[in-house]
Amino acid sequence: MAPVNLVTTATAFRERASEPHFGEGLPDASQALLQARIKDLKLHLSATPLERHIQQLYGELEVRGVSLRPQCYLSDQWGCPSGVPVIGIPFYLADPNLHSIEAELGGGAESERDIMMYLRHEAGHTFNYAYRLYETEEWQKLFGDYSAPYHDDFKPQPFSRKYVVHISGWYAQKHPDEDFAETFAVFMTPGLDWERRYKGWGALKKLQYVQSIVERLGRKAPEVVLEERDVDVDQMEETVLDHYRQRRLSERIDVQLGEHLDQDLMNLFEPSEIAPVPADTLLRAEKQAVIHAVTQYAGVSQGLVSSVLDHLLERTTALGLTVFREKSRDYTTKLTSLVTALAMNYLYTDKFFEVD
């Protein structure tokens, strides 16, 4: 399939998320997929690049001395059902056309490197569940209470040395179960000298625990062999289009910023007709890069950052601001700084700024 125009379709997606023509602008092949029920696509893992990635994961487990081979299946998102040692993989990764739609409508698609990072993370969950490590005093002393509430709006401590750094957004700090999964993933990463990388960190004790528990249990039969799945691709009644509509609605945040940031935008960009390029063009082109940078280091959700950027795009368009193409890097740096400051304020005060 020919490459899809990211700017055009991302704009259509933002503006029509709740309208009948949501997804308009995608190529005909993608339009047909959008209307199909996911269960009717008959997606599978065999003979896809995912099969190679899964085999790579199994090879890495073998090298580390782990005999467990977690079953993988296609689902609505990455994950493991709680307590069940199986790995759910997003359905769109099983088809290149769906992968392109994810890149356009889902906020960016995973690279091969990302896929392996997620697989190692999910393998950590399966190892934890397969041997019920979370029930042991040793595990709880290092990682915490497995039964603790799972909060999506957790407040990470950036650059804390108590946790490893793997998935962006300080994900290990989200919950004890995620802390273990992230630590296991770092332990699994080929070519990473984690003893040197985490020397002097509190997280080193967690990595050493993973090494010791793998040495003790890696070749033993798992205690839990359940293969229950939560959302299986063959049970997904919704269309591809509805899947993205629902995701958009669930991730969307009403930032209610009004015109409070107009002066900041006027300081960041050029006045109307001063420069040759509309500033909203730059925002559309750099949106995914800014989302990635801010979520990686601030630890806020992609939905929050995306909603802020959508608001800035709307106000930039309304103000008619412009940019010089040769200064795009400078604009993007300042934009990222502005969004990071807003995100961090929201994270720790539940407000973007103080209002007099």
Protein backbone atom coordinates (compact mmCIF):
# COMPACT_ATOMS: atom_id res chain seq x y z
CA MET A 1 0.00 0.00 0.00
CA ALA A 2 1.22 3.50 -0.77
CA PRO A 3 2.35 5.65 2.18
CA VAL A 4 -0.48 7.54 3.92
CA ASN A 5 -0.39 11.33 4.34
CA LEU A 6 -0.01 11.73 8.10
CA VAL A 7 -0.82 15.43 8.26
CA THR A 8 -4.05 15.19 6.30
CA THR A 9 -5.46 12.17 8.08
CA ALA A 10 -4.37 13.20 11.56
CA THR A 11 -6.25 16.46 11.07
CA ALA A 12 -9.36 14.63 9.89
CA PHE A 13 -9.08 12.35 12.88
CA ARG A 14 -8.88 15.18 15.40
CA GLU A 15 -11.74 17.16 13.90
CA ARG A 16 -14.12 14.30 13.15
CA ALA A 17 -13.56 11.85 16.01
CA SER A 18 -17.25 11.89 16.94
CA GLU A 19 -18.68 12.44 13.45
CA PRO A 20 -19.80 9.97 10.76
CA HIS A 21 -16.87 10.85 8.48
CA PHE A 22 -14.17 10.12 11.05
CA GLY A 23 -11.17 8.62 9.27
CA GLU A 24 -11.92 10.48 6.04
CA GLY A 25 -8.85 11.02 3.89
CA LEU A 26 -7.34 7.56 4.22
CA PRO A 27 -6.68 5.54 1.03
CA ASP A 28 -9.46 3.32 -0.32
CA ALA A 29 -7.84 0.13 1.01
CA SER A 30 -7.76 1.61 4.51
CA GLN A 31 -11.33 2.91 4.20
CA ALA A 32 -12.51 -0.62 3.50
CA LEU A 33 -10.67 -1.92 6.55
CA LEU A 34 -12.18 0.80 8.74
CA GLN A 35 -15.67 -0.48 7.94
CA ALA A 36 -14.85 -4.13 8.64
CA ARG A 37 -15.59 -5.86 11.92
CA ILE A 38 -12.31 -6.82 13.54
CA LYS A 39 -13.43 -10.42 14.13
CA ASP A 40 -14.20 -10.78 10.42
CA LEU A 41 -10.65 -9.91 9.36
CA LYS A 42 -9.48 -13.38 10.48
CA LEU A 43 -6.20 -12.02 11.80
CA HIS A 44 -3.54 -14.42 13.02
CA LEU A 45 0.06 -14.50 14.18
CA SER A 46 1.44 -17.16 11.87
CA ALA A 47 3.49 -16.02 8.87
CA THR A 48 3.56 -12.41 10.10
CA PRO A 49 6.52 -10.37 11.36
CA LEU A 50 5.03 -10.81 14.83
CA GLU A 51 5.78 -14.52 14.66
CA ARG A 52 9.46 -13.67 14.18
CA HIS A 53 9.38 -11.26 17.12
CA ILE A 54 7.78 -13.88 19.35
CA GLN A 55 10.42 -16.42 18.36
CA GLN A 56 13.08 -13.83 19.15
CA LEU A 57 11.53 -13.40 22.60
CA TYR A 58 11.58 -17.17 23.13
CA GLY A 59 15.23 -17.25 22.10
CA GLU A 60 16.07 -14.50 24.57
CA LEU A 61 14.25 -16.37 27.34
CA GLU A 62 16.25 -19.49 26.51
CA VAL A 63 19.55 -17.60 26.65
CA ARG A 64 18.61 -16.28 30.09
CA GLY A 65 17.77 -19.76 31.34
CA VAL A 66 13.98 -19.47 31.24
CA SER A 67 12.00 -22.42 29.84
CA LEU A 68 8.64 -20.65 30.01
CA ARG A 69 7.19 -19.95 26.57
CA PRO A 70 4.18 -17.69 27.16
CA GLN A 71 1.36 -18.13 24.70
CA CYS A 72 0.74 -15.03 22.60
CA TYR A 73 -2.55 -13.99 21.05
CA LEU A 74 -4.03 -10.99 19.25
CA SER A 75 -6.09 -8.63 21.39
CA ASP A 76 -7.18 -4.99 21.55
CA GLN A 77 -3.98 -3.82 23.26
CA TRP A 78 -0.77 -4.95 24.92
CA GLY A 79 -1.36 -6.80 28.17
CA CYS A 80 -1.70 -9.91 30.28
CA PRO A 81 -4.91 -10.88 32.06
CA SER A 82 -4.16 -10.50 35.77
CA GLY A 83 -2.59 -13.68 37.12
CA VAL A 84 -2.57 -15.44 33.74
CA PRO A 85 0.79 -16.09 31.99
CA VAL A 86 -0.25 -15.21 28.42
CA ILE A 87 0.55 -12.17 26.28
CA GLY A 88 -2.01 -10.09 24.40
CA ILE A 89 -0.66 -8.23 21.36
CA PRO A 90 -2.52 -5.41 19.57
CA PHE A 91 -4.39 -6.76 16.57
CA TYR A 92 -3.19 -4.02 14.22
CA LEU A 93 0.38 -5.35 14.38
CA ALA A 94 -0.70 -8.46 12.47
CA ASP A 95 -1.41 -6.62 9.22
CA PRO A 96 0.64 -3.91 7.48
CA ASN A 97 -2.45 -1.99 6.36
CA LEU A 98 -3.83 -1.94 9.89
CA HIS A 99 -0.40 -0.90 11.12
CA SER A 100 -0.58 2.09 8.77
CA ILE A 101 -4.02 3.00 10.12
CA GLU A 102 -2.62 2.86 13.65
CA ALA A 103 0.14 5.23 12.60
CA GLU A 104 -2.48 7.64 11.24
CA LEU A 105 -5.32 7.39 13.72
CA GLY A 106 -3.85 5.81 16.82
CA GLY A 107 -1.13 8.29 17.63
CA GLY A 108 1.82 6.44 16.10
CA ALA A 109 2.60 2.78 15.55
CA GLU A 110 5.22 0.67 17.29
CA SER A 111 8.60 0.12 15.67
CA GLU A 112 10.30 -3.29 15.77
CA ARG A 113 12.35 -2.04 18.72
CA ASP A 114 9.17 -0.99 20.53
CA ILE A 115 7.54 -4.37 19.90
CA MET A 116 10.45 -6.23 21.47
CA MET A 117 10.47 -3.86 24.45
CA TYR A 118 6.78 -4.54 25.04
CA LEU A 119 7.22 -8.30 24.59
CA ARG A 120 9.99 -8.39 27.20
CA HIS A 121 7.82 -6.35 29.55
CA GLU A 122 4.82 -8.66 29.10
CA ALA A 123 7.10 -11.68 29.51
CA GLY A 124 7.96 -10.23 32.92
CA HIS A 125 4.28 -10.32 33.86
CA THR A 126 3.97 -13.92 32.66
CA PHE A 127 7.03 -15.02 34.67
CA ASN A 128 5.60 -13.30 37.75
CA TYR A 129 2.22 -15.00 37.30
CA ALA A 130 3.55 -18.40 36.27
CA TYR A 131 5.42 -18.81 39.57
CA ARG A 132 3.16 -16.63 41.75
CA LEU A 133 6.15 -14.54 42.77
CA TYR A 134 3.87 -11.69 43.82
CA GLU A 135 2.62 -13.84 46.73
CA THR A 136 6.07 -14.24 48.26
CA GLU A 137 7.46 -12.07 51.04
CA GLU A 138 10.71 -11.58 49.14
CA TRP A 139 8.89 -10.12 46.11
CA GLN A 140 6.63 -7.91 48.21
CA LYS A 141 9.57 -6.54 50.19
CA LEU A 142 11.26 -5.38 46.98
CA PHE A 143 8.33 -4.38 44.77
CA GLY A 144 5.40 -3.73 47.11
CA ASP A 145 1.82 -4.90 47.52
CA TYR A 146 0.55 -6.60 44.37
CA SER A 147 -3.05 -5.96 45.47
CA ALA A 148 -2.51 -2.19 45.71
CA PRO A 149 -4.97 -0.14 43.61
CA TYR A 150 -3.93 0.39 40.02
CA HIS A 151 -4.05 4.11 39.23
CA ASP A 152 -3.75 5.38 35.67
CA ASP A 153 -3.13 8.90 36.95
CA PHE A 154 -0.08 8.00 39.04
CA LYS A 155 2.43 10.75 39.81
CA PRO A 156 5.93 9.51 38.90
CA GLN A 157 9.14 10.80 40.41
CA PRO A 158 11.26 11.64 37.36
CA PHE A 159 14.78 10.22 37.49
CA SER A 160 14.17 8.22 40.69
CA ARG A 161 16.91 5.60 41.08
CA LYS A 162 14.62 3.17 42.85
CA TYR A 163 13.25 2.01 39.52
CA VAL A 164 14.66 0.85 36.19
CA VAL A 165 13.97 2.89 33.04
CA HIS A 166 12.50 0.94 30.14
CA ILE A 167 9.09 1.92 28.71
CA SER A 168 8.76 5.70 28.47
CA GLY A 169 6.95 7.66 31.13
CA TRP A 170 8.67 6.08 34.17
CA TYR A 171 6.33 3.14 33.77
CA ALA A 172 7.98 1.04 36.49
CA GLN A 173 6.59 3.50 39.05
CA LYS A 174 2.98 2.84 38.04
CA HIS A 175 2.38 -0.28 40.18
CA PRO A 176 4.44 -3.04 41.87
CA ASP A 177 3.43 -5.47 39.10
CA GLU A 178 4.71 -3.03 36.47
CA ASP A 179 7.88 -2.45 38.49
CA PHE A 180 8.68 -6.16 38.33
CA ALA A 181 7.76 -6.44 34.63
CA GLU A 182 9.99 -3.48 33.75
CA THR A 183 12.85 -4.88 35.85
CA PHE A 184 12.50 -8.26 34.14
CA ALA A 185 12.50 -6.54 30.73
CA VAL A 186 15.76 -4.72 31.52
CA PHE A 187 17.27 -8.00 32.74
CA MET A 188 16.22 -9.61 29.44
CA THR A 189 17.50 -6.92 27.09
CA PRO A 190 20.32 -8.33 24.92
CA GLY A 191 23.62 -6.49 25.08
CA LEU A 192 22.66 -4.40 28.10
CA ASP A 193 25.18 -4.51 30.97
CA TRP A 194 22.57 -3.79 33.61
CA GLU A 195 24.99 -4.26 36.51
CA ARG A 196 27.08 -1.40 35.17
CA ARG A 197 24.11 0.67 33.97
CA TYR A 198 22.40 0.58 37.38
CA LYS A 199 25.43 0.60 39.63
CA GLY A 200 24.65 2.68 42.70
CA TRP A 201 20.89 2.62 42.04
CA GLY A 202 18.32 1.18 44.42
CA ALA A 203 16.91 -0.62 41.37
CA LEU A 204 20.03 -2.80 41.24
CA LYS A 205 18.72 -4.95 44.10
CA LYS A 206 15.59 -5.62 42.08
CA LEU A 207 17.64 -6.68 39.06
CA GLN A 208 19.76 -8.95 41.22
CA TYR A 209 16.57 -10.48 42.59
CA VAL A 210 15.33 -11.18 39.05
CA GLN A 211 18.64 -12.84 38.22
CA SER A 212 18.50 -15.01 41.35
CA ILE A 213 14.85 -16.01 40.91
CA VAL A 214 15.47 -16.92 37.26
CA GLU A 215 18.39 -19.10 38.36
CA ARG A 216 16.13 -20.81 40.93
CA LEU A 217 12.95 -21.22 38.90
CA GLY A 218 13.81 -20.66 35.25
CA ARG A 219 14.03 -24.36 34.38
CA LYS A 220 11.21 -25.51 36.66
CA ALA A 221 7.70 -26.20 35.46
CA PRO A 222 5.41 -23.20 36.05
CA GLU A 223 2.86 -23.41 38.85
CA VAL A 224 0.22 -21.62 36.77
CA VAL A 225 -0.51 -22.81 33.23
CA LEU A 226 -3.81 -21.05 32.57
CA GLU A 227 -4.37 -19.80 29.03
CA GLU A 228 -7.43 -17.62 29.66
CA ARG A 229 -7.64 -14.52 27.49
CA ASP A 230 -9.41 -11.27 28.21
CA VAL A 231 -10.17 -9.77 24.76
CA ASP A 232 -9.46 -12.12 21.85
CA VAL A 233 -9.36 -10.73 18.31
CA ASP A 234 -11.92 -13.34 17.21
CA GLN A 235 -14.41 -11.88 19.70
CA MET A 236 -14.02 -8.22 18.74
CA GLU A 237 -17.41 -7.30 17.31
CA GLU A 238 -16.65 -3.62 16.69
CA THR A 239 -15.39 -2.30 13.40
CA VAL A 240 -11.86 -0.97 13.06
CA LEU A 241 -13.39 2.51 12.80
CA ASP A 242 -15.34 2.08 16.05
CA HIS A 243 -12.21 0.79 17.78
CA TYR A 244 -10.42 4.06 17.07
CA ARG A 245 -13.47 6.16 17.88
CA GLN A 246 -13.74 4.49 21.29
CA ARG A 247 -10.04 4.89 21.94
CA ARG A 248 -10.18 8.54 21.02
CA LEU A 249 -13.10 9.19 23.34
CA SER A 250 -11.49 7.29 26.23
CA GLU A 251 -8.17 9.12 25.85
CA ARG A 252 -9.58 12.57 25.16
CA ILE A 253 -9.23 15.08 28.01
CA ASP A 254 -11.16 18.36 28.17
CA VAL A 255 -8.29 20.73 28.92
CA GLN A 256 -10.53 23.84 29.15
CA LEU A 257 -7.69 26.26 28.43
CA GLY A 258 -9.74 28.84 26.58
CA GLU A 259 -7.56 31.70 25.39
CA HIS A 260 -5.17 31.60 28.35
CA LEU A 261 -2.20 30.47 26.26
CA ASP A 262 -2.71 32.82 23.32
CA GLN A 263 0.03 35.18 24.48
CA ASP A 264 2.47 32.27 24.87
CA LEU A 265 1.69 31.14 21.33
CA MET A 266 2.14 34.66 19.97
CA ASN A 267 5.54 34.82 21.69
CA LEU A 268 6.50 31.41 20.29
CA PHE A 269 5.41 31.89 16.66
CA GLU A 270 5.32 34.78 14.20
CA PRO A 271 2.34 37.12 13.63
CA SER A 272 -0.05 36.55 10.77
CA GLU A 273 1.51 36.76 7.29
CA ILE A 274 4.99 37.63 8.64
CA ALA A 275 6.39 34.20 7.75
CA PRO A 276 5.53 32.04 4.73
CA VAL A 277 4.32 28.87 6.52
CA PRO A 278 1.21 28.56 8.74
CA ALA A 279 2.27 27.59 12.26
CA ASP A 280 -0.45 24.94 12.49
CA THR A 281 1.39 23.01 9.75
CA LEU A 282 4.40 22.72 12.05
CA LEU A 283 2.23 21.60 14.97
CA ARG A 284 0.64 18.86 12.89
CA ALA A 285 3.99 17.64 11.57
CA GLU A 286 5.65 17.59 15.00
CA LYS A 287 2.73 16.42 17.13
CA GLN A 288 3.81 12.79 17.52
CA ALA A 289 7.43 13.73 18.26
CA VAL A 290 6.31 16.18 20.94
CA ILE A 291 3.91 13.62 22.47
CA HIS A 292 6.71 11.06 22.63
CA ALA A 293 9.21 13.48 24.18
CA VAL A 294 6.83 14.85 26.80
CA THR A 295 5.34 11.52 27.87
CA GLN A 296 8.78 9.91 28.04
CA TYR A 297 10.20 12.42 30.47
CA ALA A 298 7.15 13.89 32.23
CA GLY A 299 5.31 10.63 32.81
CA VAL A 300 1.90 12.03 31.83
CA SER A 301 -0.55 10.22 29.58
CA GLN A 302 -0.47 10.49 25.81
CA GLY A 303 -4.12 11.50 25.94
CA LEU A 304 -3.32 14.53 28.08
CA VAL A 305 -0.46 15.71 25.86
CA SER A 306 -2.46 15.06 22.70
CA SER A 307 -5.40 17.06 24.05
CA VAL A 308 -3.15 20.00 24.95
CA LEU A 309 -1.59 19.96 21.48
CA ASP A 310 -5.00 19.80 19.84
CA HIS A 311 -5.98 22.92 21.79
CA LEU A 312 -2.76 24.72 20.81
CA LEU A 313 -3.35 23.77 17.20
CA GLU A 314 -6.86 25.18 17.31
CA ARG A 315 -5.71 28.46 18.86
CA THR A 316 -2.70 28.75 16.52
CA THR A 317 -5.04 28.42 13.56
CA ALA A 318 -7.49 30.94 14.99
CA LEU A 319 -4.71 33.45 15.60
CA GLY A 320 -3.28 32.98 12.10
CA LEU A 321 0.26 32.49 13.41
CA THR A 322 3.11 31.64 11.06
CA VAL A 323 6.65 30.22 11.08
CA PHE A 324 9.88 30.41 9.11
CA ARG A 325 10.69 26.95 7.80
CA GLU A 326 14.44 27.30 8.52
CA LYS A 327 13.67 27.93 12.21
CA SER A 328 11.46 24.85 12.66
CA ARG A 329 13.82 23.20 15.15
CA ASP A 330 13.80 26.29 17.35
CA TYR A 331 10.00 26.48 17.30
CA THR A 332 9.67 22.77 18.10
CA THR A 333 12.09 23.02 21.03
CA LYS A 334 10.15 25.92 22.52
CA LEU A 335 6.83 24.18 21.89
CA THR A 336 8.05 21.03 23.64
CA SER A 337 9.21 23.09 26.61
CA LEU A 338 5.82 24.82 26.85
CA VAL A 339 3.87 21.56 26.71
CA THR A 340 6.22 19.90 29.22
CA ALA A 341 5.72 22.76 31.70
CA LEU A 342 1.94 22.54 31.29
CA ALA A 343 1.99 18.76 31.68
CA MET A 344 4.14 18.83 34.83
CA ASN A 345 1.94 21.50 36.40
CA TYR A 346 -1.11 19.36 35.68
CA LEU A 347 0.57 16.23 36.98
CA TYR A 348 1.43 17.66 40.38
CA THR A 349 -1.27 20.31 40.94
CA ASP A 350 -4.16 18.98 38.81
CA LYS A 351 -4.14 22.37 37.06
CA PHE A 352 -2.23 23.70 34.06
CA PHE A 353 -1.60 27.05 35.71
CA GLU A 354 -2.84 29.31 38.49
CA VAL A 355 -5.70 31.59 37.55
CA ASP A 356 -5.88 34.92 39.43
